[in-house]
Amino acid sequence: MAHTESEILAGLAEIVNEETGLAAETVEPSKSFTDDLDIDSISMMTIVVNAEEKFDVKIPDDEVKNLSTVQDAVTFIHNAQN
């Protein structure tokens, strides 16, 4: 079953919280993973792997660099489910 963008956002916020300790409510669509949320590349890869498992999608390594904001990731996962 495909998740809505708001479900994906909530799920990503939960994953980011588990990985970094950042409060889930700070994970907003406009936030940059690196600039605003201060997520390094190692944490980002963990977040990607956990998102792939949670949403049953594949995020190729060469796509990860294009996921600079939370919205980029939400949109990619939303589109990858279909």
Protein backbone atom coordinates (compact mmCIF):
# COMPACT_ATOMS: atom_id res chain seq x y z
CA MET A 1 0.00 0.00 0.00
CA ALA A 2 1.36 3.39 -0.97
CA HIS A 3 2.01 5.89 1.78
CA THR A 4 0.85 9.51 1.53
CA GLU A 5 3.43 12.28 1.61
CA SER A 6 2.39 13.19 5.16
CA GLU A 7 2.86 9.56 6.27
CA ILE A 8 6.29 9.51 4.61
CA LEU A 9 7.23 12.79 6.32
CA ALA A 10 6.17 11.42 9.72
CA GLY A 11 8.07 8.19 9.10
CA LEU A 12 11.21 10.05 8.02
CA ALA A 13 10.98 12.28 11.08
CA GLU A 14 10.85 9.16 13.25
CA ILE A 15 13.88 7.65 11.47
CA VAL A 16 15.86 10.90 11.79
CA ASN A 17 14.94 11.09 15.47
CA GLU A 18 16.15 7.53 16.07
CA GLU A 19 19.42 8.13 14.21
CA THR A 20 20.31 11.62 15.45
CA GLY A 21 18.20 12.36 18.51
CA LEU A 22 16.68 15.41 16.78
CA ALA A 23 13.08 16.06 17.77
CA ALA A 24 10.73 14.67 15.13
CA GLU A 25 8.89 18.02 14.86
CA THR A 26 12.11 19.70 13.67
CA VAL A 27 12.10 17.50 10.55
CA GLU A 28 10.12 19.76 8.22
CA PRO A 29 9.83 19.54 4.40
CA SER A 30 11.84 22.73 3.83
CA LYS A 31 14.77 21.65 6.00
CA SER A 32 18.10 20.67 4.46
CA PHE A 33 19.51 17.43 5.86
CA THR A 34 23.04 18.84 6.03
CA ASP A 35 22.60 22.60 6.53
CA ASP A 36 19.55 22.70 8.83
CA LEU A 37 19.54 19.29 10.51
CA ASP A 38 23.35 18.86 10.59
CA ILE A 39 23.18 15.25 9.35
CA ASP A 40 26.52 13.86 8.14
CA SER A 41 26.95 11.42 5.26
CA ILE A 42 27.25 8.36 7.49
CA SER A 43 24.02 9.17 9.34
CA MET A 44 22.36 9.97 6.02
CA MET A 45 23.19 6.51 4.67
CA THR A 46 21.69 4.92 7.81
CA ILE A 47 18.57 7.06 7.36
CA VAL A 48 18.35 5.99 3.70
CA VAL A 49 18.66 2.28 4.56
CA ASN A 50 16.01 2.60 7.29
CA ALA A 51 13.70 4.52 4.93
CA GLU A 52 14.12 1.83 2.26
CA GLU A 53 13.06 -0.82 4.79
CA LYS A 54 10.22 1.23 6.28
CA PHE A 55 8.67 2.26 2.94
CA ASP A 56 9.72 -0.78 0.87
CA VAL A 57 11.51 1.29 -1.78
CA LYS A 58 15.01 1.30 -3.28
CA ILE A 59 17.00 4.53 -3.12
CA PRO A 60 20.08 4.12 -5.36
CA ASP A 61 23.34 5.44 -3.90
CA ASP A 62 23.72 7.91 -6.77
CA GLU A 63 20.27 9.36 -5.94
CA VAL A 64 21.11 10.07 -2.32
CA LYS A 65 23.17 13.16 -3.25
CA ASN A 66 20.01 14.62 -4.85
CA LEU A 67 18.05 14.32 -1.60
CA SER A 68 19.21 17.56 -0.04
CA THR A 69 15.96 18.55 1.67
CA VAL A 70 13.41 16.55 3.60
CA GLN A 71 10.88 17.30 0.83
CA ASP A 72 13.28 15.86 -1.78
CA ALA A 73 13.34 12.60 0.18
CA VAL A 74 9.56 12.58 0.71
CA THR A 75 8.93 13.16 -3.01
CA PHE A 76 11.46 10.51 -4.07
CA ILE A 77 10.00 7.88 -1.74
CA HIS A 78 6.43 8.79 -2.74
CA ASN A 79 7.26 8.41 -6.43
CA ALA A 80 9.34 5.25 -5.90
CA GLN A 81 6.40 3.41 -4.33
CA ASN A 82 4.31 3.56 -7.49
